[in-house]
Amino acid sequence: MATTDDVRLRVAIVGSGIAGLAAARVLREKHDVTVYERGEPSVSTGGQGIANFPNSTHLLRDMGFDYKRVGSVELGAWNTIDKAGNHLNSVDYNMRERYGNPLVSHMRVDVRTELLRLATAPAEDLGLEPTAVPATMMWNNGAVDLDAAAGKVTLEDGSVVEADVVVIADGIHSRLRNKVLDVPVNARKTGMTCCRVAVSAEDAVKALGKLPSWWQEQRDTEQGSMRLVESMDNTARLLVMYPLRDISWMNMAWMFQTRQERATTTESWNADGDRDEIMEIFADYDDEVKTLLRVASEVKLWELQDLEPLPTWTAGRAILIGDAAHAMTPMQGQGSNMAIEDADGLRLLTQPGVTRDSVPGILEKIASIRRPRATKVLINTRFAARVSTAAERTSRFDYNCTYPGILNIMKEQATVG
């Protein structure tokens, strides 16, 4: 319950992706939140999938995330196949049993839509206190400059807004990151490219006459699984597939060494790709998966990049979160998970006794907990990009998938202290 001593802070969040909207959901509980987005309300949409691991699924649940509404699919087994379609091995990797929370997959656009609902729906619809005022969304007016000490954000239209807290969540190509850092840091190319598509069961049946047996089995058992198609020929090609929307769609991520650098695929993860080029690169893969690629409604290309660990995430009243702070490739599937963990970290700003003067110190405390962990997960992700077997890729899961949330970490630190 709010008390007369609680101070409502003015919070400006830059960016309306997963990190920004999750942050808005957390901070609206106690503060007045405005989200500034350079694009339209439909920004960052698309038919591709993402996975949330046990380290973030419980945090989303605590935010009120409705997995049923989103059509999320819990994933169990990890099946490895060679490029000809021959089964290599299966691992029953039940993360709910192992880590206490599930691994789930869903459509990115559906996740963003749900987080937007959690950020902006009336408090009573979400079971929140009446003081949890919905966040205000400001579209087509992104941030271009920052005075971190004063908490002043300059917007595209030339206006300047002042906030007690500035949360910078504007992605890997952040406009404001280097306003926080003393030495500029930009994204680093990894030499790998990812083609992302999603295929509906309806289109798959039209093209193949019936669903692939491995897809049909998941529908029959109502149990999703991860399917890794290895090239096994030192070409670094990999196809990762998992179900979406109650197993009525299949996500396909085709990863390969970058052939040609393009501005569109460097600057955006949502650039259109050349279907014929991907078909050529994976020409020796099984005809069944190539047919699914052929009938996908969208083909998106993403030149994989990450960030070197930053020396700081904070300056004055500003903090970096999400890809603006720690962009990483999808080789461990942790990008969106780190964004959710970051948003959860902002709960330190919702605790009793927070004042405008205490904000910089609280942001530094959040970063002191979040930055070392995100750096370790980045290192684990880079390791996964260098290995070639499913066992090696899952060898870092015990660290990645165990995160209790920042309030529990603070309790642990207090007990040790």
Protein backbone atom coordinates (compact mmCIF):
# COMPACT_ATOMS: atom_id res chain seq x y z
CA MET A 1 0.00 0.00 0.00
CA ALA A 2 1.15 3.51 -0.76
CA THR A 3 1.78 5.80 2.22
CA THR A 4 1.87 9.52 2.57
CA ASP A 5 5.68 9.28 2.77
CA ASP A 6 6.05 7.64 -0.66
CA VAL A 7 7.55 9.94 -3.29
CA ARG A 8 6.29 9.60 -6.84
CA LEU A 9 9.20 10.03 -9.21
CA ARG A 10 9.00 11.20 -12.80
CA VAL A 11 10.38 8.38 -14.94
CA ALA A 12 11.33 8.74 -18.61
CA ILE A 13 11.90 5.46 -20.45
CA VAL A 14 13.56 5.68 -23.85
CA GLY A 15 12.46 2.81 -26.09
CA SER A 16 9.38 0.58 -26.18
CA GLY A 17 10.95 -2.81 -26.77
CA ILE A 18 10.88 -5.67 -24.30
CA ALA A 19 13.25 -3.96 -21.84
CA GLY A 20 11.48 -0.62 -21.95
CA LEU A 21 7.95 -1.95 -21.57
CA ALA A 22 8.91 -4.39 -18.81
CA ALA A 23 10.57 -1.49 -17.01
CA ALA A 24 7.39 0.56 -17.42
CA ARG A 25 5.35 -2.27 -15.91
CA VAL A 26 7.60 -2.43 -12.84
CA LEU A 27 7.99 1.30 -12.26
CA ARG A 28 4.34 2.25 -12.76
CA GLU A 29 3.62 0.55 -9.43
CA LYS A 30 5.03 3.55 -7.57
CA HIS A 31 5.94 6.26 -10.07
CA ASP A 32 4.72 8.34 -13.01
CA VAL A 33 6.13 6.74 -16.15
CA THR A 34 6.35 8.06 -19.70
CA VAL A 35 7.80 5.95 -22.53
CA TYR A 36 9.33 7.75 -25.52
CA GLU A 37 9.53 5.75 -28.75
CA ARG A 38 10.98 6.95 -32.05
CA GLY A 39 8.69 4.67 -34.10
CA GLU A 40 5.02 3.87 -34.56
CA PRO A 41 2.99 1.81 -32.07
CA SER A 42 3.67 -1.21 -34.28
CA VAL A 43 7.45 -0.81 -33.97
CA SER A 44 9.46 -4.01 -33.40
CA THR A 45 6.67 -6.24 -34.55
CA GLY A 46 7.27 -9.31 -36.63
CA GLY A 47 6.45 -12.97 -36.89
CA GLN A 48 9.61 -14.33 -35.33
CA GLY A 49 9.96 -16.12 -32.03
CA ILE A 50 11.90 -15.67 -28.83
CA ALA A 51 12.46 -17.95 -25.85
CA ASN A 52 12.35 -17.10 -22.19
CA PHE A 53 14.37 -19.29 -19.86
CA PRO A 54 13.74 -20.06 -16.16
CA ASN A 55 15.75 -17.03 -15.03
CA SER A 56 13.09 -14.71 -16.48
CA THR A 57 9.84 -16.69 -16.68
CA HIS A 58 9.21 -16.34 -12.95
CA LEU A 59 9.92 -12.60 -13.15
CA LEU A 60 7.42 -12.24 -15.99
CA ARG A 61 4.88 -14.22 -13.97
CA ASP A 62 5.35 -11.85 -11.05
CA MET A 63 4.65 -8.94 -13.42
CA GLY A 64 1.31 -10.53 -14.31
CA PHE A 65 2.42 -11.84 -17.71
CA ASP A 66 -0.39 -14.02 -19.12
CA TYR A 67 1.29 -16.95 -20.87
CA LYS A 68 -2.04 -18.35 -22.03
CA ARG A 69 -3.04 -15.06 -23.66
CA VAL A 70 0.29 -15.01 -25.49
CA GLY A 71 0.06 -18.63 -26.64
CA SER A 72 3.41 -19.45 -25.03
CA VAL A 73 4.70 -23.01 -25.44
CA GLU A 74 6.65 -24.80 -22.72
CA LEU A 75 9.69 -26.56 -24.19
CA GLY A 76 11.06 -29.85 -22.91
CA ALA A 77 13.28 -32.07 -25.03
CA TRP A 78 16.21 -30.85 -27.12
CA ASN A 79 16.54 -32.87 -30.30
CA THR A 80 19.63 -32.71 -32.50
CA ILE A 81 19.36 -33.61 -36.20
CA ASP A 82 21.89 -33.62 -39.01
CA LYS A 83 21.36 -31.64 -42.21
CA ALA A 84 19.97 -34.71 -43.99
CA GLY A 85 17.22 -35.08 -41.40
CA ASN A 86 18.78 -37.97 -39.48
CA HIS A 87 18.28 -38.01 -35.72
CA LEU A 88 21.51 -37.64 -33.75
CA ASN A 89 20.44 -37.42 -30.12
CA SER A 90 17.77 -36.21 -27.73
CA VAL A 91 18.07 -34.72 -24.28
CA ASP A 92 15.07 -34.54 -21.94
CA TYR A 93 15.94 -31.14 -20.55
CA ASN A 94 13.00 -30.42 -18.25
CA MET A 95 13.85 -26.98 -16.98
CA ARG A 96 10.84 -26.76 -14.70
CA GLU A 97 12.15 -29.76 -12.76
CA ARG A 98 15.78 -28.66 -12.94
CA TYR A 99 15.42 -24.97 -12.14
CA GLY A 100 11.92 -24.59 -10.72
CA ASN A 101 10.59 -22.56 -13.64
CA PRO A 102 9.89 -23.38 -17.30
CA LEU A 103 11.52 -22.56 -20.61
CA VAL A 104 8.86 -21.12 -22.92
CA SER A 105 8.74 -19.86 -26.49
CA HIS A 106 6.43 -17.30 -28.02
CA MET A 107 6.05 -14.84 -30.87
CA ARG A 108 8.05 -11.66 -30.26
CA VAL A 109 5.16 -9.41 -31.29
CA ASP A 110 2.85 -11.23 -28.84
CA VAL A 111 5.31 -10.74 -25.98
CA ARG A 112 5.61 -7.06 -26.76
CA THR A 113 1.82 -6.70 -26.98
CA GLU A 114 1.42 -8.33 -23.58
CA LEU A 115 4.09 -6.13 -22.00
CA LEU A 116 2.41 -3.06 -23.50
CA ARG A 117 -0.84 -4.19 -21.86
CA LEU A 118 0.91 -4.62 -18.51
CA ALA A 119 2.45 -1.17 -18.82
CA THR A 120 -0.71 0.69 -19.85
CA ALA A 121 -3.84 -1.20 -18.73
CA PRO A 122 -5.94 0.22 -15.89
CA ALA A 123 -4.60 -0.83 -12.49
CA GLU A 124 -7.79 -2.68 -11.58
CA ASP A 125 -7.51 -4.84 -14.70
CA LEU A 126 -4.12 -6.07 -13.49
CA GLY A 127 -4.93 -6.44 -9.81
CA LEU A 128 -2.63 -3.54 -8.91
CA GLU A 129 -3.11 -0.82 -6.35
CA PRO A 130 -5.11 2.18 -7.66
CA THR A 131 -1.93 4.26 -7.38
CA ALA A 132 -0.27 2.17 -10.14
CA VAL A 133 -1.11 4.72 -12.82
CA PRO A 134 -0.76 3.43 -16.40
CA ALA A 135 2.38 4.47 -18.24
CA THR A 136 1.98 7.19 -20.89
CA MET A 137 3.17 6.21 -24.37
CA MET A 138 4.67 8.88 -26.64
CA TRP A 139 5.12 7.59 -30.19
CA ASN A 140 7.13 9.01 -33.11
CA ASN A 141 9.26 11.15 -30.83
CA GLY A 142 12.42 9.37 -29.72
CA ALA A 143 15.26 10.73 -27.65
CA VAL A 144 18.32 12.27 -29.31
CA ASP A 145 20.28 13.78 -26.42
CA LEU A 146 20.69 13.45 -22.68
CA ASP A 147 21.91 15.51 -19.75
CA ALA A 148 22.29 12.63 -17.30
CA ALA A 149 23.13 14.74 -14.27
CA ALA A 150 20.00 16.88 -14.63
CA GLY A 151 17.78 14.09 -15.95
CA LYS A 152 16.95 16.09 -19.07
CA VAL A 153 16.10 14.28 -22.31
CA THR A 154 15.98 16.05 -25.67
CA LEU A 155 13.43 14.60 -28.08
CA GLU A 156 13.33 14.53 -31.87
CA ASP A 157 10.88 17.41 -32.03
CA GLY A 158 13.33 19.61 -30.12
CA SER A 159 11.43 19.58 -26.85
CA VAL A 160 13.22 18.80 -23.58
CA VAL A 161 11.65 16.73 -20.82
CA GLU A 162 12.95 16.55 -17.29
CA ALA A 163 12.77 13.38 -15.21
CA ASP A 164 13.98 12.09 -11.86
CA VAL A 165 14.94 8.78 -13.51
CA VAL A 166 15.92 8.14 -17.14
CA VAL A 167 15.87 4.51 -18.27
CA ILE A 168 17.71 4.06 -21.56
CA ALA A 169 16.28 1.04 -23.37
CA ASP A 170 16.71 2.00 -27.01
CA GLY A 171 18.55 -1.07 -28.21
CA ILE A 172 21.94 -2.15 -29.51
CA HIS A 173 22.27 0.98 -31.65
CA SER A 174 21.31 3.24 -28.76
CA ARG A 175 21.37 6.97 -29.42
CA LEU A 176 22.01 7.73 -25.76
CA ARG A 177 24.48 5.04 -24.63
CA ASN A 178 27.51 7.18 -25.38
CA LYS A 179 25.98 10.05 -23.39
CA VAL A 180 26.44 7.81 -20.34
CA LEU A 181 29.94 6.57 -21.15
CA ASP A 182 33.19 8.56 -21.02
CA VAL A 183 34.57 6.61 -24.00
CA PRO A 184 32.17 5.75 -26.86
CA VAL A 185 31.31 2.08 -27.36
CA ASN A 186 29.51 0.72 -30.41
CA ALA A 187 28.23 -2.69 -31.44
CA ARG A 188 30.74 -5.36 -32.47
CA LYS A 189 30.11 -7.60 -35.47
CA THR A 190 30.50 -11.32 -34.85
CA GLY A 191 30.85 -12.55 -38.44
CA MET A 192 27.57 -14.48 -38.22
CA THR A 193 24.15 -13.73 -39.72
CA CYS A 194 20.76 -15.06 -38.69
CA CYS A 195 17.78 -15.47 -41.02
CA ARG A 196 14.58 -15.57 -38.97
CA VAL A 197 11.25 -16.87 -40.21
CA ALA A 198 8.07 -18.26 -38.73
CA VAL A 199 5.80 -20.68 -40.58
CA SER A 200 2.15 -21.40 -39.80
CA ALA A 201 0.89 -24.97 -39.55
CA GLU A 202 -1.68 -24.09 -42.20
CA ASP A 203 0.99 -23.06 -44.72
CA ALA A 204 3.14 -26.06 -43.82
CA VAL A 205 0.28 -28.46 -44.57
CA LYS A 206 -0.46 -26.74 -47.87
CA ALA A 207 3.16 -27.08 -48.94
CA LEU A 208 3.92 -30.57 -47.64
CA GLY A 209 0.51 -32.25 -47.63
CA LYS A 210 0.76 -32.75 -43.87
CA LEU A 211 2.75 -31.46 -40.94
CA PRO A 212 6.26 -32.85 -40.49
CA SER A 213 6.07 -35.79 -38.08
CA TRP A 214 8.19 -34.00 -35.46
CA TRP A 215 5.80 -31.01 -35.53
CA GLN A 216 2.69 -33.18 -35.45
CA GLU A 217 4.05 -35.07 -32.46
CA GLN A 218 4.41 -31.85 -30.52
CA ARG A 219 0.81 -30.92 -31.30
CA ASP A 220 -0.48 -34.37 -30.38
CA THR A 221 1.35 -34.40 -27.04
CA GLU A 222 0.88 -30.65 -26.41
CA GLN A 223 4.56 -30.59 -25.49
CA GLY A 224 6.96 -28.35 -27.33
CA SER A 225 10.61 -29.13 -27.98
CA MET A 226 13.74 -27.48 -29.32
CA ARG A 227 15.06 -28.87 -32.61
CA LEU A 228 18.68 -28.18 -33.61
CA VAL A 229 19.77 -29.05 -37.14
CA GLU A 230 23.57 -29.24 -37.28
CA SER A 231 25.58 -29.00 -40.48
CA MET A 232 28.37 -31.24 -39.05
CA ASP A 233 30.79 -29.97 -41.68
CA ASN A 234 32.67 -27.08 -40.02
CA THR A 235 30.69 -24.44 -41.95
CA ALA A 236 29.18 -23.00 -38.72
CA ARG A 237 25.69 -23.37 -40.18
CA LEU A 238 22.90 -24.11 -37.72
CA LEU A 239 19.11 -24.22 -37.88
CA VAL A 240 17.16 -23.80 -34.62
CA MET A 241 13.42 -24.53 -34.56
CA TYR A 242 10.82 -24.26 -31.82
CA PRO A 243 7.01 -23.85 -31.72
CA LEU A 244 4.96 -20.68 -31.18
CA ARG A 245 1.32 -19.75 -30.55
CA ASP A 246 0.14 -23.01 -29.00
CA ILE A 247 2.29 -24.99 -31.49
CA SER A 248 0.33 -23.55 -34.44
CA TRP A 249 3.49 -21.83 -35.76
CA MET A 250 7.14 -22.88 -36.01
CA ASN A 251 10.05 -20.50 -35.52
CA MET A 252 13.12 -21.14 -37.68
CA ALA A 253 16.47 -19.39 -37.14
CA TRP A 254 19.01 -20.12 -39.88
CA MET A 255 22.50 -19.10 -38.76
CA PHE A 256 25.54 -18.91 -41.01
CA GLN A 257 28.78 -17.02 -41.58
CA THR A 258 28.15 -13.54 -42.97
CA ARG A 259 28.71 -13.42 -46.71
CA GLN A 260 28.19 -9.74 -47.38
CA GLU A 261 27.85 -6.89 -44.92
CA ARG A 262 24.83 -4.70 -45.58
CA ALA A 263 23.81 -1.50 -43.83
CA THR A 264 20.23 -2.75 -43.44
CA THR A 265 21.19 -5.94 -41.62
CA THR A 266 23.77 -4.15 -39.50
CA GLU A 267 21.47 -1.37 -38.34
CA SER A 268 18.31 -3.45 -37.84
CA TRP A 269 17.36 -6.94 -36.69
CA ASN A 270 14.18 -6.65 -38.74
CA ALA A 271 15.57 -6.14 -42.27
CA ASP A 272 14.10 -8.09 -45.16
CA GLY A 273 16.18 -11.06 -46.29
CA ASP A 274 16.69 -12.78 -49.64
CA ARG A 275 14.91 -16.15 -49.47
CA ASP A 276 16.79 -17.47 -52.50
CA GLU A 277 20.14 -16.62 -50.92
CA ILE A 278 19.27 -18.56 -47.76
CA MET A 279 18.07 -21.49 -49.86
CA GLU A 280 21.42 -21.48 -51.65
CA ILE A 281 23.44 -21.35 -48.41
CA PHE A 282 21.47 -24.30 -47.01
CA ALA A 283 21.10 -26.13 -50.33
CA ASP A 284 22.33 -29.43 -48.85
CA TYR A 285 19.83 -29.35 -45.97
CA ASP A 286 16.79 -31.65 -45.87
CA ASP A 287 14.10 -30.73 -48.41
CA GLU A 288 11.41 -30.65 -45.73
CA VAL A 289 12.91 -27.74 -43.78
CA LYS A 290 13.78 -25.90 -46.98
CA THR A 291 10.15 -26.17 -48.06
CA LEU A 292 9.11 -24.57 -44.78
CA LEU A 293 11.51 -21.72 -45.47
CA ARG A 294 10.08 -21.34 -48.95
CA VAL A 295 6.50 -20.83 -47.69
CA ALA A 296 7.32 -18.49 -44.77
CA SER A 297 5.41 -15.22 -45.12
CA GLU A 298 8.36 -13.08 -43.94
CA VAL A 299 12.10 -13.57 -44.20
CA LYS A 300 14.11 -11.34 -41.87
CA LEU A 301 17.89 -11.04 -41.83
CA TRP A 302 19.96 -9.97 -38.85
CA GLU A 303 23.74 -9.57 -38.85
CA LEU A 304 24.64 -10.80 -35.38
CA GLN A 305 26.37 -8.27 -33.17
CA ASP A 306 27.10 -7.80 -29.51
CA LEU A 307 28.67 -5.26 -27.16
CA GLU A 308 31.91 -5.46 -25.26
CA PRO A 309 31.17 -5.26 -21.52
CA LEU A 310 30.62 -1.62 -20.62
CA PRO A 311 32.63 0.05 -17.83
CA THR A 312 29.43 1.50 -16.36
CA TRP A 313 25.69 1.47 -16.95
CA THR A 314 24.88 4.64 -15.04
CA ALA A 315 25.51 8.37 -15.03
CA GLY A 316 23.64 10.71 -12.73
CA ARG A 317 19.93 10.00 -13.09
CA ALA A 318 20.28 7.67 -16.09
CA ILE A 319 20.73 3.90 -16.40
CA LEU A 320 21.21 1.68 -19.45
CA ILE A 321 19.23 -1.56 -19.68
CA GLY A 322 18.52 -4.23 -22.27
CA ASP A 323 20.49 -4.32 -25.52
CA ALA A 324 21.61 -0.73 -24.95
CA ALA A 325 23.62 -2.08 -22.00
CA HIS A 326 24.62 -5.62 -22.95
CA ALA A 327 23.57 -6.73 -26.43
CA MET A 328 24.41 -10.37 -27.13
CA THR A 329 23.77 -12.86 -29.91
CA PRO A 330 20.98 -15.48 -29.69
CA MET A 331 23.42 -18.38 -29.25
CA GLN A 332 22.20 -18.90 -25.65
CA GLY A 333 18.78 -17.32 -26.17
CA GLN A 334 19.36 -14.89 -23.29
CA GLY A 335 18.85 -11.45 -24.83
CA SER A 336 15.22 -10.95 -23.84
CA ASN A 337 15.87 -12.71 -20.53
CA MET A 338 18.54 -10.20 -19.56
CA ALA A 339 16.12 -7.40 -20.49
CA ILE A 340 13.50 -8.84 -18.12
CA GLU A 341 16.10 -9.22 -15.37
CA ASP A 342 17.10 -5.59 -15.86
CA ALA A 343 13.51 -4.44 -15.55
CA ASP A 344 13.15 -6.47 -12.37
CA GLY A 345 16.27 -4.73 -11.09
CA LEU A 346 14.42 -1.43 -11.20
CA ARG A 347 12.27 -2.69 -8.31
CA LEU A 348 14.87 -1.12 -6.03
CA LEU A 349 13.32 2.19 -7.08
CA THR A 350 9.90 1.08 -5.81
CA GLN A 351 10.97 0.34 -2.24
CA PRO A 352 10.04 2.51 0.75
CA GLY A 353 12.19 5.55 1.39
CA VAL A 354 13.19 6.29 -2.20
CA THR A 355 13.61 10.01 -2.85
CA ARG A 356 14.69 12.11 -5.78
CA ASP A 357 18.07 12.66 -4.13
CA SER A 358 18.63 8.92 -3.61
CA VAL A 359 18.10 7.99 -7.28
CA PRO A 360 21.74 8.11 -8.50
CA GLY A 361 22.92 5.88 -5.66
CA ILE A 362 20.10 3.38 -6.23
CA LEU A 363 20.89 3.20 -9.94
CA GLU A 364 24.52 2.46 -9.09
CA LYS A 365 23.39 -0.33 -6.74
CA ILE A 366 21.22 -1.85 -9.45
CA ALA A 367 24.12 -1.77 -11.90
CA SER A 368 26.50 -3.29 -9.34
CA ILE A 369 24.26 -6.37 -9.26
CA ARG A 370 23.15 -6.53 -12.87
CA ARG A 371 26.33 -5.64 -14.77
CA PRO A 372 28.55 -8.52 -13.56
CA ARG A 373 25.81 -11.04 -14.23
CA ALA A 374 25.04 -9.75 -17.73
CA THR A 375 28.77 -9.81 -18.50
CA LYS A 376 29.01 -13.46 -17.44
CA VAL A 377 26.03 -14.39 -19.60
CA LEU A 378 27.63 -12.54 -22.52
CA ILE A 379 30.79 -14.60 -22.02
CA ASN A 380 28.70 -17.78 -21.93
CA THR A 381 26.98 -16.72 -25.15
CA ARG A 382 30.27 -16.13 -26.91
CA PHE A 383 31.44 -19.56 -25.73
CA ALA A 384 28.32 -21.16 -27.22
CA ALA A 385 29.08 -19.57 -30.59
CA ARG A 386 32.42 -21.42 -30.69
CA VAL A 387 31.22 -24.93 -29.80
CA SER A 388 29.56 -27.51 -32.01
CA THR A 389 27.45 -29.87 -29.91
CA ALA A 390 24.18 -29.53 -28.03
CA ALA A 391 25.86 -30.76 -24.84
CA GLU A 392 28.43 -27.98 -25.06
CA ARG A 393 25.75 -25.38 -25.76
CA THR A 394 23.77 -26.38 -22.68
CA SER A 395 26.81 -26.63 -20.41
CA ARG A 396 26.41 -23.03 -19.18
CA PHE A 397 22.68 -23.28 -18.44
CA ASP A 398 23.10 -23.79 -14.70
CA TYR A 399 24.46 -20.26 -14.38
CA ASN A 400 22.27 -18.64 -17.02
CA CYS A 401 18.99 -20.11 -15.79
CA THR A 402 19.29 -19.44 -12.07
CA TYR A 403 18.46 -15.89 -11.05
CA PRO A 404 16.19 -15.17 -8.06
CA GLY A 405 15.40 -11.51 -8.78
CA ILE A 406 17.04 -8.43 -7.35
CA LEU A 407 15.02 -8.25 -4.13
CA ASN A 408 16.01 -11.80 -3.23
CA ILE A 409 19.62 -11.02 -4.05
CA MET A 410 19.46 -8.03 -1.71
CA LYS A 411 18.05 -10.29 1.03
CA GLU A 412 20.89 -12.78 0.47
CA GLN A 413 23.47 -10.00 0.66
CA ALA A 414 21.94 -8.67 3.88
CA THR A 415 22.05 -12.15 5.43
CA VAL A 416 25.69 -12.65 4.48
CA GLY A 417 26.53 -9.14 5.66
